[in-house]
């Protein structure tokens, strides 16, 4: 009887993937926060310049959304906050090895902090457990990043808003669709795997 109930307990609503890791507590949370920041910094180095745009295509947005979804709102925000603060302090792990806060693309880093919080809150409501809901979460997270990043780009460069959209949003839509498709496969599959092991 207790073995039959165990999978239900291990996959209860309100959990994110990080909650299923052993040794819950402050030390585990600190490791997750640091690990999420490092993962985002490493993913940011997978970057390709976009002609006519000061913003490169990079893996950091995907990593930020993945960290937020897997860790939940609080740890997702802290991970991306650590990523942002360390990058502002000089760690060269923003896209293309950049650091500091004066670059035109810094608004996207701020947007990632907010997006990780939003997708993490939705993941706590089970939004990462099916393909369609995961697609919606990734689309919303990307929209949050652009909602901060594009106006910041316009202000930082003196572009008009429509120019900033053309330089800082439109070239990235296909890449965002591919990242969402990857997440649609990864996150629900992770939950199914955990459910089978439970």
N, C-alpha and C. Protein backbone atom coordinates (compact mmCIF):
# COMPACT_ATOMS: atom_id res chain seq x y z
N UNK A 1 0.82 -1.20 0.00
CA UNK A 1 0.00 0.00 0.00
C UNK A 1 0.86 1.26 0.00
N UNK A 2 1.91 1.29 0.84
CA UNK A 2 2.77 2.47 0.89
C UNK A 2 3.54 2.65 -0.41
N UNK A 3 3.94 1.53 -1.08
CA UNK A 3 4.66 1.68 -2.35
C UNK A 3 3.76 2.22 -3.43
N UNK A 4 2.51 1.87 -3.45
CA UNK A 4 1.59 2.39 -4.46
C UNK A 4 1.37 3.88 -4.27
N UNK A 5 1.41 4.34 -3.02
CA UNK A 5 1.18 5.76 -2.75
C UNK A 5 2.41 6.61 -3.01
N UNK A 6 3.60 6.02 -3.03
CA UNK A 6 4.83 6.80 -3.17
C UNK A 6 4.90 7.64 -4.43
N UNK A 7 4.53 7.10 -5.64
CA UNK A 7 4.61 7.94 -6.82
C UNK A 7 3.70 9.15 -6.75
N UNK A 8 2.53 8.98 -6.11
CA UNK A 8 1.61 10.11 -5.99
C UNK A 8 2.23 11.19 -5.12
N UNK A 9 2.87 10.76 -4.01
CA UNK A 9 3.50 11.72 -3.13
C UNK A 9 4.66 12.43 -3.81
N UNK A 10 5.47 11.69 -4.60
CA UNK A 10 6.66 12.28 -5.21
C UNK A 10 6.32 13.25 -6.34
N UNK A 11 5.12 13.15 -6.90
CA UNK A 11 4.74 14.01 -8.02
C UNK A 11 3.52 14.85 -7.68
N UNK A 12 3.43 15.31 -6.47
CA UNK A 12 2.24 16.07 -6.07
C UNK A 12 2.21 17.43 -6.74
N UNK A 13 1.03 18.00 -6.91
CA UNK A 13 0.92 19.35 -7.48
C UNK A 13 1.68 20.36 -6.62
N UNK A 14 2.13 21.41 -7.25
CA UNK A 14 2.87 22.44 -6.53
C UNK A 14 4.37 22.22 -6.51
N UNK A 15 4.82 21.09 -7.08
CA UNK A 15 6.25 20.82 -7.13
C UNK A 15 6.85 21.23 -8.47
N UNK A 16 8.12 21.55 -8.43
CA UNK A 16 8.91 21.70 -9.64
C UNK A 16 9.96 20.61 -9.62
N UNK A 17 10.66 20.43 -10.72
CA UNK A 17 11.63 19.34 -10.80
C UNK A 17 12.67 19.40 -9.69
N UNK A 18 13.12 20.59 -9.33
CA UNK A 18 14.15 20.72 -8.29
C UNK A 18 13.67 20.19 -6.94
N UNK A 19 12.37 20.21 -6.69
CA UNK A 19 11.84 19.72 -5.42
C UNK A 19 12.02 18.21 -5.26
N UNK A 20 12.25 17.52 -6.36
CA UNK A 20 12.39 16.07 -6.32
C UNK A 20 13.82 15.63 -6.00
N UNK A 21 14.74 16.60 -5.94
CA UNK A 21 16.12 16.27 -5.59
C UNK A 21 16.22 15.99 -4.09
N UNK A 22 17.13 15.12 -3.70
CA UNK A 22 17.29 14.82 -2.27
C UNK A 22 17.93 15.99 -1.52
N UNK A 23 17.91 15.87 -0.22
CA UNK A 23 18.60 16.82 0.69
C UNK A 23 18.11 18.24 0.52
N UNK A 24 16.79 18.42 0.60
CA UNK A 24 16.23 19.77 0.53
C UNK A 24 16.77 20.60 1.69
N UNK A 25 17.02 21.86 1.44
CA UNK A 25 17.52 22.75 2.48
C UNK A 25 18.33 23.87 1.89
N UNK A 26 18.89 24.68 2.75
CA UNK A 26 19.63 25.87 2.34
C UNK A 26 20.85 25.52 1.49
N UNK A 27 21.59 24.47 1.87
CA UNK A 27 22.79 24.10 1.11
C UNK A 27 22.41 23.66 -0.30
N UNK A 28 21.36 22.84 -0.41
CA UNK A 28 20.93 22.41 -1.74
C UNK A 28 20.48 23.59 -2.59
N UNK A 29 19.71 24.50 -1.97
CA UNK A 29 19.24 25.68 -2.70
C UNK A 29 20.41 26.54 -3.19
N UNK A 30 21.43 26.70 -2.35
CA UNK A 30 22.60 27.50 -2.74
C UNK A 30 23.31 26.87 -3.93
N UNK A 31 23.43 25.53 -3.92
CA UNK A 31 24.07 24.82 -5.04
C UNK A 31 23.24 25.00 -6.30
N UNK A 32 21.92 24.90 -6.18
CA UNK A 32 21.05 25.07 -7.35
C UNK A 32 21.15 26.49 -7.91
N UNK A 33 21.14 27.49 -7.03
CA UNK A 33 21.23 28.88 -7.48
C UNK A 33 22.54 29.11 -8.22
N UNK A 34 23.65 28.66 -7.63
CA UNK A 34 24.95 28.82 -8.28
C UNK A 34 24.99 28.04 -9.59
N UNK A 35 24.47 26.81 -9.57
CA UNK A 35 24.46 25.99 -10.77
C UNK A 35 23.62 26.59 -11.89
N UNK A 36 22.47 27.18 -11.52
CA UNK A 36 21.63 27.82 -12.53
C UNK A 36 22.30 29.03 -13.15
N UNK A 37 23.02 29.80 -12.33
CA UNK A 37 23.76 30.95 -12.85
C UNK A 37 24.87 30.51 -13.79
N UNK A 38 25.61 29.48 -13.39
CA UNK A 38 26.70 28.98 -14.23
C UNK A 38 26.17 28.40 -15.53
N UNK A 39 25.07 27.63 -15.45
CA UNK A 39 24.47 27.08 -16.67
C UNK A 39 24.08 28.19 -17.64
N UNK A 40 23.49 29.25 -17.12
CA UNK A 40 23.09 30.37 -17.97
C UNK A 40 24.32 31.05 -18.58
N UNK A 41 25.36 31.22 -17.76
CA UNK A 41 26.59 31.83 -18.27
C UNK A 41 27.26 30.99 -19.34
N UNK A 42 27.24 29.67 -19.17
CA UNK A 42 27.83 28.79 -20.19
C UNK A 42 26.99 28.82 -21.47
N UNK A 43 25.66 28.77 -21.30
CA UNK A 43 24.78 28.80 -22.47
C UNK A 43 24.91 30.11 -23.24
N UNK A 44 25.20 31.19 -22.53
CA UNK A 44 25.35 32.50 -23.18
C UNK A 44 26.54 32.52 -24.13
N UNK A 45 27.50 31.62 -23.90
CA UNK A 45 28.68 31.61 -24.77
C UNK A 45 28.38 30.94 -26.11
N UNK A 46 27.24 30.25 -26.20
CA UNK A 46 26.77 29.73 -27.48
C UNK A 46 26.04 30.87 -28.16
N UNK A 47 26.77 31.75 -28.79
CA UNK A 47 26.16 32.95 -29.37
C UNK A 47 26.63 33.18 -30.79
N UNK A 48 25.72 33.74 -31.57
CA UNK A 48 25.99 34.04 -32.97
C UNK A 48 25.57 35.48 -33.22
N UNK A 49 26.47 36.34 -33.73
CA UNK A 49 26.09 37.73 -34.00
C UNK A 49 24.97 37.79 -35.06
N UNK A 50 24.10 38.77 -34.91
CA UNK A 50 23.02 39.00 -35.87
C UNK A 50 23.37 40.27 -36.64
N UNK A 51 23.52 40.18 -37.97
CA UNK A 51 23.85 41.38 -38.75
C UNK A 51 22.84 42.50 -38.52
N UNK A 52 23.35 43.69 -38.24
CA UNK A 52 22.48 44.85 -38.03
C UNK A 52 21.87 44.95 -36.66
N UNK A 53 22.26 44.06 -35.74
CA UNK A 53 21.71 44.11 -34.38
C UNK A 53 22.83 44.02 -33.37
N UNK A 54 22.74 44.81 -32.28
CA UNK A 54 23.74 44.68 -31.22
C UNK A 54 23.45 43.50 -30.29
N UNK A 55 22.39 42.75 -30.57
CA UNK A 55 21.98 41.62 -29.72
C UNK A 55 22.26 40.32 -30.48
N UNK A 56 23.09 39.43 -29.94
CA UNK A 56 23.36 38.16 -30.63
C UNK A 56 22.29 37.12 -30.30
N UNK A 57 22.18 36.12 -31.13
CA UNK A 57 21.40 34.93 -30.79
C UNK A 57 22.27 34.13 -29.83
N UNK A 58 21.71 33.72 -28.70
CA UNK A 58 22.50 32.95 -27.74
C UNK A 58 21.63 31.94 -27.03
N UNK A 59 22.28 31.06 -26.29
CA UNK A 59 21.56 30.06 -25.52
C UNK A 59 21.14 30.53 -24.15
N UNK A 60 21.46 31.78 -23.78
CA UNK A 60 21.18 32.21 -22.40
C UNK A 60 19.70 32.33 -22.11
N UNK A 61 18.89 32.74 -23.10
CA UNK A 61 17.45 32.86 -22.83
C UNK A 61 16.85 31.48 -22.59
N UNK A 62 17.27 30.50 -23.38
CA UNK A 62 16.77 29.13 -23.18
C UNK A 62 17.15 28.63 -21.79
N UNK A 63 18.41 28.84 -21.41
CA UNK A 63 18.87 28.40 -20.10
C UNK A 63 18.10 29.10 -18.99
N UNK A 64 17.86 30.39 -19.14
CA UNK A 64 17.14 31.14 -18.11
C UNK A 64 15.73 30.61 -17.92
N UNK A 65 15.05 30.33 -19.02
CA UNK A 65 13.68 29.80 -18.93
C UNK A 65 13.68 28.39 -18.38
N UNK A 66 14.66 27.59 -18.75
CA UNK A 66 14.77 26.23 -18.24
C UNK A 66 15.04 26.24 -16.74
N UNK A 67 15.95 27.11 -16.31
CA UNK A 67 16.26 27.23 -14.88
C UNK A 67 15.02 27.67 -14.10
N UNK A 68 14.32 28.68 -14.58
CA UNK A 68 13.12 29.14 -13.89
C UNK A 68 12.07 28.05 -13.79
N UNK A 69 11.86 27.33 -14.87
CA UNK A 69 10.84 26.28 -14.89
C UNK A 69 11.22 25.11 -13.99
N UNK A 70 12.47 24.71 -14.02
CA UNK A 70 12.90 23.57 -13.22
C UNK A 70 13.06 23.89 -11.74
N UNK A 71 13.39 25.16 -11.41
CA UNK A 71 13.69 25.53 -10.03
C UNK A 71 12.51 26.18 -9.31
N UNK A 72 11.56 26.75 -10.04
CA UNK A 72 10.50 27.52 -9.42
C UNK A 72 10.85 28.99 -9.36
N UNK A 73 9.87 29.80 -8.98
CA UNK A 73 10.02 31.25 -9.05
C UNK A 73 11.16 31.78 -8.17
N UNK A 74 11.22 31.34 -6.93
CA UNK A 74 12.20 31.91 -5.99
C UNK A 74 13.63 31.57 -6.40
N UNK A 75 13.91 30.28 -6.59
CA UNK A 75 15.27 29.89 -6.94
C UNK A 75 15.63 30.30 -8.37
N UNK A 76 14.63 30.34 -9.25
CA UNK A 76 14.88 30.83 -10.60
C UNK A 76 15.30 32.29 -10.59
N UNK A 77 14.57 33.10 -9.83
CA UNK A 77 14.91 34.52 -9.71
C UNK A 77 16.30 34.69 -9.09
N UNK A 78 16.59 33.93 -8.04
CA UNK A 78 17.90 34.05 -7.39
C UNK A 78 19.03 33.63 -8.32
N UNK A 79 18.82 32.57 -9.09
CA UNK A 79 19.85 32.12 -10.05
C UNK A 79 20.15 33.19 -11.08
N UNK A 80 19.08 33.75 -11.66
CA UNK A 80 19.29 34.77 -12.69
C UNK A 80 19.77 36.08 -12.08
N UNK A 81 19.37 36.34 -10.83
CA UNK A 81 19.90 37.50 -10.13
C UNK A 81 21.39 37.38 -9.90
N UNK A 82 21.84 36.18 -9.50
CA UNK A 82 23.27 35.95 -9.31
C UNK A 82 24.01 36.09 -10.64
N UNK A 83 23.43 35.55 -11.69
CA UNK A 83 24.01 35.67 -13.03
C UNK A 83 24.18 37.14 -13.40
N UNK A 84 23.14 37.94 -13.18
CA UNK A 84 23.18 39.37 -13.53
C UNK A 84 24.19 40.13 -12.68
N UNK A 85 24.16 39.92 -11.37
CA UNK A 85 25.05 40.66 -10.47
C UNK A 85 26.51 40.31 -10.73
N UNK A 86 26.79 39.01 -10.90
CA UNK A 86 28.18 38.61 -11.18
C UNK A 86 28.65 39.17 -12.52
N UNK A 87 27.76 39.17 -13.51
CA UNK A 87 28.12 39.74 -14.81
C UNK A 87 28.37 41.23 -14.73
N UNK A 88 27.55 41.95 -13.95
CA UNK A 88 27.77 43.39 -13.77
C UNK A 88 29.08 43.65 -13.03
N UNK A 89 29.47 42.71 -12.15
CA UNK A 89 30.70 42.88 -11.37
C UNK A 89 31.95 42.52 -12.17
N UNK A 90 31.77 42.00 -13.38
CA UNK A 90 32.93 41.74 -14.23
C UNK A 90 33.13 40.31 -14.69
N UNK A 91 32.30 39.37 -14.22
CA UNK A 91 32.44 37.99 -14.72
C UNK A 91 32.03 38.00 -16.19
N UNK A 92 32.90 37.57 -17.10
CA UNK A 92 32.62 37.70 -18.54
C UNK A 92 31.73 36.57 -19.06
N UNK A 93 30.51 36.47 -18.54
CA UNK A 93 29.66 35.34 -18.94
C UNK A 93 28.33 35.77 -19.53
N UNK A 94 28.21 37.04 -19.89
CA UNK A 94 27.08 37.42 -20.72
C UNK A 94 27.39 36.98 -22.16
N UNK A 95 26.43 37.12 -23.06
CA UNK A 95 26.63 36.68 -24.44
C UNK A 95 27.89 37.30 -25.02
N UNK A 96 28.62 36.51 -25.77
CA UNK A 96 29.87 36.91 -26.41
C UNK A 96 30.96 37.28 -25.40
N UNK A 97 30.89 36.73 -24.20
CA UNK A 97 31.91 36.99 -23.19
C UNK A 97 31.88 38.38 -22.61
N UNK A 98 30.74 39.06 -22.74
CA UNK A 98 30.63 40.43 -22.24
C UNK A 98 30.37 40.44 -20.73
N UNK A 99 30.58 41.60 -20.13
CA UNK A 99 30.23 41.83 -18.73
C UNK A 99 29.89 43.30 -18.57
N UNK A 100 29.42 43.68 -17.38
CA UNK A 100 29.04 45.06 -17.13
C UNK A 100 27.55 45.27 -17.37
N UNK A 101 27.13 46.51 -17.24
CA UNK A 101 25.70 46.80 -17.40
C UNK A 101 25.44 47.86 -18.46
N UNK A 102 26.47 48.35 -19.13
CA UNK A 102 26.28 49.44 -20.08
C UNK A 102 26.00 48.97 -21.50
N UNK A 103 26.01 47.67 -21.74
CA UNK A 103 25.77 47.19 -23.10
C UNK A 103 24.29 47.30 -23.47
N UNK A 104 23.98 47.51 -24.74
CA UNK A 104 22.59 47.68 -25.16
C UNK A 104 21.71 46.47 -24.89
N UNK A 105 22.32 45.29 -24.79
CA UNK A 105 21.52 44.08 -24.59
C UNK A 105 21.29 43.75 -23.12
N UNK A 106 21.72 44.63 -22.20
CA UNK A 106 21.58 44.32 -20.77
C UNK A 106 20.11 44.21 -20.35
N UNK A 107 19.22 44.88 -21.06
CA UNK A 107 17.80 44.77 -20.73
C UNK A 107 17.29 43.35 -20.84
N UNK A 108 17.86 42.57 -21.74
CA UNK A 108 17.45 41.17 -21.87
C UNK A 108 17.84 40.37 -20.64
N UNK A 109 18.98 40.70 -20.05
CA UNK A 109 19.40 40.04 -18.81
C UNK A 109 18.40 40.35 -17.69
N UNK A 110 17.99 41.60 -17.59
CA UNK A 110 16.98 41.97 -16.59
C UNK A 110 15.66 41.26 -16.88
N UNK A 111 15.30 41.19 -18.16
CA UNK A 111 14.08 40.49 -18.55
C UNK A 111 14.12 39.02 -18.20
N UNK A 112 15.30 38.41 -18.28
CA UNK A 112 15.43 36.99 -17.93
C UNK A 112 15.18 36.75 -16.45
N UNK A 113 15.57 37.69 -15.60
CA UNK A 113 15.29 37.55 -14.17
C UNK A 113 13.78 37.51 -13.93
N UNK A 114 13.06 38.42 -14.57
CA UNK A 114 11.61 38.47 -14.42
C UNK A 114 10.97 37.23 -15.06
N UNK A 115 11.44 36.84 -16.24
CA UNK A 115 10.87 35.69 -16.94
C UNK A 115 11.06 34.40 -16.14
N UNK A 116 12.24 34.22 -15.54
CA UNK A 116 12.48 33.02 -14.73
C UNK A 116 11.50 32.95 -13.57
N UNK A 117 11.17 34.11 -13.01
CA UNK A 117 10.21 34.15 -11.91
C UNK A 117 8.82 33.77 -12.40
N UNK A 118 8.41 34.31 -13.54
CA UNK A 118 7.07 34.04 -14.08
C UNK A 118 6.93 32.57 -14.46
N UNK A 119 7.89 32.03 -15.23
CA UNK A 119 7.76 30.64 -15.66
C UNK A 119 7.89 29.69 -14.47
N UNK A 120 8.69 30.08 -13.48
CA UNK A 120 8.80 29.26 -12.28
C UNK A 120 7.50 29.19 -11.50
N UNK A 121 6.80 30.32 -11.42
CA UNK A 121 5.49 30.33 -10.74
C UNK A 121 4.48 29.46 -11.50
N UNK A 122 4.52 29.51 -12.82
CA UNK A 122 3.61 28.69 -13.62
C UNK A 122 3.97 27.21 -13.52
N UNK A 123 5.25 26.91 -13.45
CA UNK A 123 5.67 25.51 -13.31
C UNK A 123 5.16 24.93 -12.00
N UNK A 124 5.09 25.73 -10.95
CA UNK A 124 4.53 25.27 -9.67
C UNK A 124 3.06 24.90 -9.80
N UNK A 125 2.42 25.40 -10.85
CA UNK A 125 1.02 25.07 -11.09
C UNK A 125 0.89 23.96 -12.14
N UNK A 126 2.00 23.29 -12.45
CA UNK A 126 1.98 22.15 -13.35
C UNK A 126 2.08 22.50 -14.83
N UNK A 127 2.48 23.72 -15.15
CA UNK A 127 2.49 24.16 -16.55
C UNK A 127 3.63 23.56 -17.37
N UNK A 128 4.52 22.82 -16.73
CA UNK A 128 5.63 22.22 -17.48
C UNK A 128 5.46 20.71 -17.64
N UNK A 129 4.25 20.21 -17.38
CA UNK A 129 4.07 18.76 -17.38
C UNK A 129 3.44 18.22 -18.65
N UNK A 130 3.02 19.10 -19.54
CA UNK A 130 2.50 18.64 -20.84
C UNK A 130 3.15 19.47 -21.94
N UNK A 131 3.12 18.92 -23.14
CA UNK A 131 3.78 19.58 -24.28
C UNK A 131 3.14 20.94 -24.56
N UNK A 132 1.82 20.99 -24.64
CA UNK A 132 1.15 22.25 -25.00
C UNK A 132 1.32 23.32 -23.93
N UNK A 133 1.17 22.94 -22.68
CA UNK A 133 1.35 23.94 -21.61
C UNK A 133 2.79 24.42 -21.54
N UNK A 134 3.75 23.52 -21.78
CA UNK A 134 5.16 23.94 -21.79
C UNK A 134 5.41 24.94 -22.91
N UNK A 135 4.78 24.71 -24.07
CA UNK A 135 4.92 25.66 -25.19
C UNK A 135 4.40 27.03 -24.78
N UNK A 136 3.26 27.07 -24.10
CA UNK A 136 2.71 28.34 -23.65
C UNK A 136 3.60 29.04 -22.64
N UNK A 137 4.19 28.26 -21.72
CA UNK A 137 5.09 28.83 -20.71
C UNK A 137 6.33 29.44 -21.38
N UNK A 138 6.90 28.71 -22.34
CA UNK A 138 8.09 29.22 -23.03
C UNK A 138 7.77 30.49 -23.83
N UNK A 139 6.60 30.49 -24.49
CA UNK A 139 6.21 31.67 -25.26
C UNK A 139 6.02 32.87 -24.34
N UNK A 140 5.36 32.66 -23.20
CA UNK A 140 5.15 33.76 -22.25
C UNK A 140 6.49 34.24 -21.68
N UNK A 141 7.37 33.31 -21.32
CA UNK A 141 8.68 33.70 -20.80
C UNK A 141 9.47 34.52 -21.80
N UNK A 142 9.43 34.11 -23.07
CA UNK A 142 10.13 34.89 -24.11
C UNK A 142 9.52 36.28 -24.25
N UNK A 143 8.19 36.35 -24.18
CA UNK A 143 7.51 37.65 -24.30
C UNK A 143 7.93 38.58 -23.16
N UNK A 144 8.09 38.03 -21.96
CA UNK A 144 8.52 38.85 -20.81
C UNK A 144 9.93 39.38 -21.05
N UNK A 145 10.81 38.53 -21.57
CA UNK A 145 12.19 38.96 -21.85
C UNK A 145 12.19 40.11 -22.85
N UNK A 146 11.41 39.97 -23.92
CA UNK A 146 11.35 41.03 -24.93
C UNK A 146 10.68 42.30 -24.39
N UNK A 147 9.71 42.14 -23.51
CA UNK A 147 9.01 43.30 -22.96
C UNK A 147 9.95 44.21 -22.19
N UNK A 148 11.02 43.64 -21.63
CA UNK A 148 12.03 44.44 -20.93
C UNK A 148 13.19 44.77 -21.87
N UNK A 149 13.63 43.78 -22.63
CA UNK A 149 14.84 43.95 -23.45
C UNK A 149 14.70 44.92 -24.60
N UNK A 150 13.55 44.90 -25.30
CA UNK A 150 13.40 45.75 -26.48
C UNK A 150 13.32 47.24 -26.10
N UNK A 151 12.50 47.64 -25.13
CA UNK A 151 12.52 49.06 -24.74
C UNK A 151 13.89 49.51 -24.21
N UNK A 152 14.57 48.63 -23.46
CA UNK A 152 15.91 48.97 -22.97
C UNK A 152 16.86 49.19 -24.15
N UNK A 153 16.77 48.33 -25.16
CA UNK A 153 17.60 48.47 -26.35
C UNK A 153 17.34 49.80 -27.04
N UNK A 154 16.07 50.18 -27.15
CA UNK A 154 15.72 51.46 -27.77
C UNK A 154 16.32 52.62 -27.00
N UNK A 155 16.20 52.59 -25.67
CA UNK A 155 16.73 53.67 -24.83
C UNK A 155 18.26 53.71 -24.89
N UNK A 156 18.89 52.54 -24.86
CA UNK A 156 20.35 52.49 -24.81
C UNK A 156 21.00 52.91 -26.12
N UNK A 157 20.30 52.72 -27.24
CA UNK A 157 20.91 52.99 -28.54
C UNK A 157 20.35 54.23 -29.23
N UNK A 158 19.23 54.75 -28.72
CA UNK A 158 18.59 55.87 -29.40
C UNK A 158 17.73 55.44 -30.57
N UNK A 159 17.51 54.13 -30.73
CA UNK A 159 16.62 53.64 -31.79
C UNK A 159 15.18 54.02 -31.48
N UNK A 160 14.37 54.10 -32.52
CA UNK A 160 12.93 54.19 -32.30
C UNK A 160 12.45 52.82 -31.83
N UNK A 161 11.24 52.77 -31.29
CA UNK A 161 10.73 51.48 -30.81
C UNK A 161 10.62 50.48 -31.96
N UNK A 162 10.16 50.93 -33.12
CA UNK A 162 10.02 50.01 -34.25
C UNK A 162 11.39 49.52 -34.73
N UNK A 163 12.40 50.37 -34.68
CA UNK A 163 13.76 49.93 -35.03
C UNK A 163 14.27 48.90 -34.01
N UNK A 164 13.97 49.14 -32.74
CA UNK A 164 14.40 48.20 -31.70
C UNK A 164 13.70 46.84 -31.87
N UNK A 165 12.43 46.87 -32.26
CA UNK A 165 11.71 45.62 -32.52
C UNK A 165 12.36 44.89 -33.69
N UNK A 166 12.69 45.63 -34.75
CA UNK A 166 13.30 45.02 -35.93
C UNK A 166 14.69 44.46 -35.62
N UNK A 167 15.44 45.12 -34.72
CA UNK A 167 16.80 44.68 -34.41
C UNK A 167 16.86 43.71 -33.24
N UNK A 168 15.91 43.83 -32.31
CA UNK A 168 16.01 43.08 -31.06
C UNK A 168 14.92 42.08 -30.79
N UNK A 169 13.99 41.89 -31.73
CA UNK A 169 12.93 40.90 -31.54
C UNK A 169 12.74 40.04 -32.78
N UNK A 170 12.44 40.67 -33.90
CA UNK A 170 12.10 39.93 -35.12
C UNK A 170 13.14 38.89 -35.53
N UNK A 171 14.46 39.19 -35.49
CA UNK A 171 15.43 38.18 -35.94
C UNK A 171 15.50 36.94 -35.05
N UNK A 172 14.89 37.01 -33.87
CA UNK A 172 15.05 35.95 -32.88
C UNK A 172 13.84 35.02 -32.78
N UNK A 173 12.78 35.31 -33.52
CA UNK A 173 11.54 34.54 -33.36
C UNK A 173 11.70 33.08 -33.78
N UNK A 174 12.41 32.83 -34.86
CA UNK A 174 12.60 31.44 -35.29
C UNK A 174 13.42 30.67 -34.26
N UNK A 175 14.48 31.29 -33.75
CA UNK A 175 15.28 30.65 -32.71
C UNK A 175 14.47 30.38 -31.46
N UNK A 176 13.59 31.31 -31.10
CA UNK A 176 12.73 31.11 -29.93
C UNK A 176 11.79 29.94 -30.13
N UNK A 177 11.28 29.79 -31.35
CA UNK A 177 10.39 28.66 -31.65
C UNK A 177 11.14 27.34 -31.50
N UNK A 178 12.41 27.31 -31.95
CA UNK A 178 13.21 26.09 -31.81
C UNK A 178 13.51 25.79 -30.34
N UNK A 179 13.82 26.83 -29.57
CA UNK A 179 14.08 26.64 -28.14
C UNK A 179 12.83 26.13 -27.43
N UNK A 180 11.67 26.68 -27.80
CA UNK A 180 10.40 26.24 -27.20
C UNK A 180 10.15 24.77 -27.54
N UNK A 181 10.44 24.39 -28.79
CA UNK A 181 10.24 23.00 -29.19
C UNK A 181 11.14 22.07 -28.38
N UNK A 182 12.36 22.50 -28.14
CA UNK A 182 13.28 21.70 -27.33
C UNK A 182 12.75 21.55 -25.90
N UNK A 183 12.29 22.65 -25.33
CA UNK A 183 11.73 22.60 -23.97
C UNK A 183 10.48 21.74 -23.93
N UNK A 184 9.67 21.79 -25.00
CA UNK A 184 8.45 20.98 -25.05
C UNK A 184 8.77 19.50 -25.01
N UNK A 185 9.94 19.13 -25.51
CA UNK A 185 10.35 17.74 -25.42
C UNK A 185 11.00 17.41 -24.08
N UNK A 186 11.85 18.32 -23.59
CA UNK A 186 12.64 18.03 -22.39
C UNK A 186 11.82 17.98 -21.09
N UNK A 187 11.04 19.01 -20.84
CA UNK A 187 10.40 19.12 -19.52
C UNK A 187 9.32 18.06 -19.29
N UNK A 188 8.34 17.89 -20.19
CA UNK A 188 7.36 16.83 -19.95
C UNK A 188 8.01 15.44 -19.90
N UNK A 189 9.07 15.23 -20.72
CA UNK A 189 9.77 13.94 -20.69
C UNK A 189 10.43 13.72 -19.34
N UNK A 190 11.00 14.78 -18.76
CA UNK A 190 11.62 14.66 -17.43
C UNK A 190 10.58 14.26 -16.39
N UNK A 191 9.39 14.86 -16.45
CA UNK A 191 8.33 14.50 -15.50
C UNK A 191 7.88 13.05 -15.69
N UNK A 192 7.79 12.61 -16.95
CA UNK A 192 7.40 11.21 -17.19
C UNK A 192 8.44 10.25 -16.65
N UNK A 193 9.71 10.59 -16.86
CA UNK A 193 10.80 9.75 -16.36
C UNK A 193 10.76 9.68 -14.84
N UNK A 194 10.57 10.81 -14.20
CA UNK A 194 10.50 10.84 -12.73
C UNK A 194 9.31 10.02 -12.24
N UNK A 195 8.18 10.13 -12.96
CA UNK A 195 6.99 9.37 -12.58
C UNK A 195 7.21 7.88 -12.68
N UNK A 196 7.91 7.43 -13.71
CA UNK A 196 8.19 6.00 -13.86
C UNK A 196 9.13 5.52 -12.76
N UNK A 197 10.12 6.38 -12.40
CA UNK A 197 11.06 5.97 -11.34
C UNK A 197 10.38 5.97 -9.97
N UNK A 198 9.40 6.90 -9.81
CA UNK A 198 8.72 6.98 -8.52
C UNK A 198 7.93 5.74 -8.23
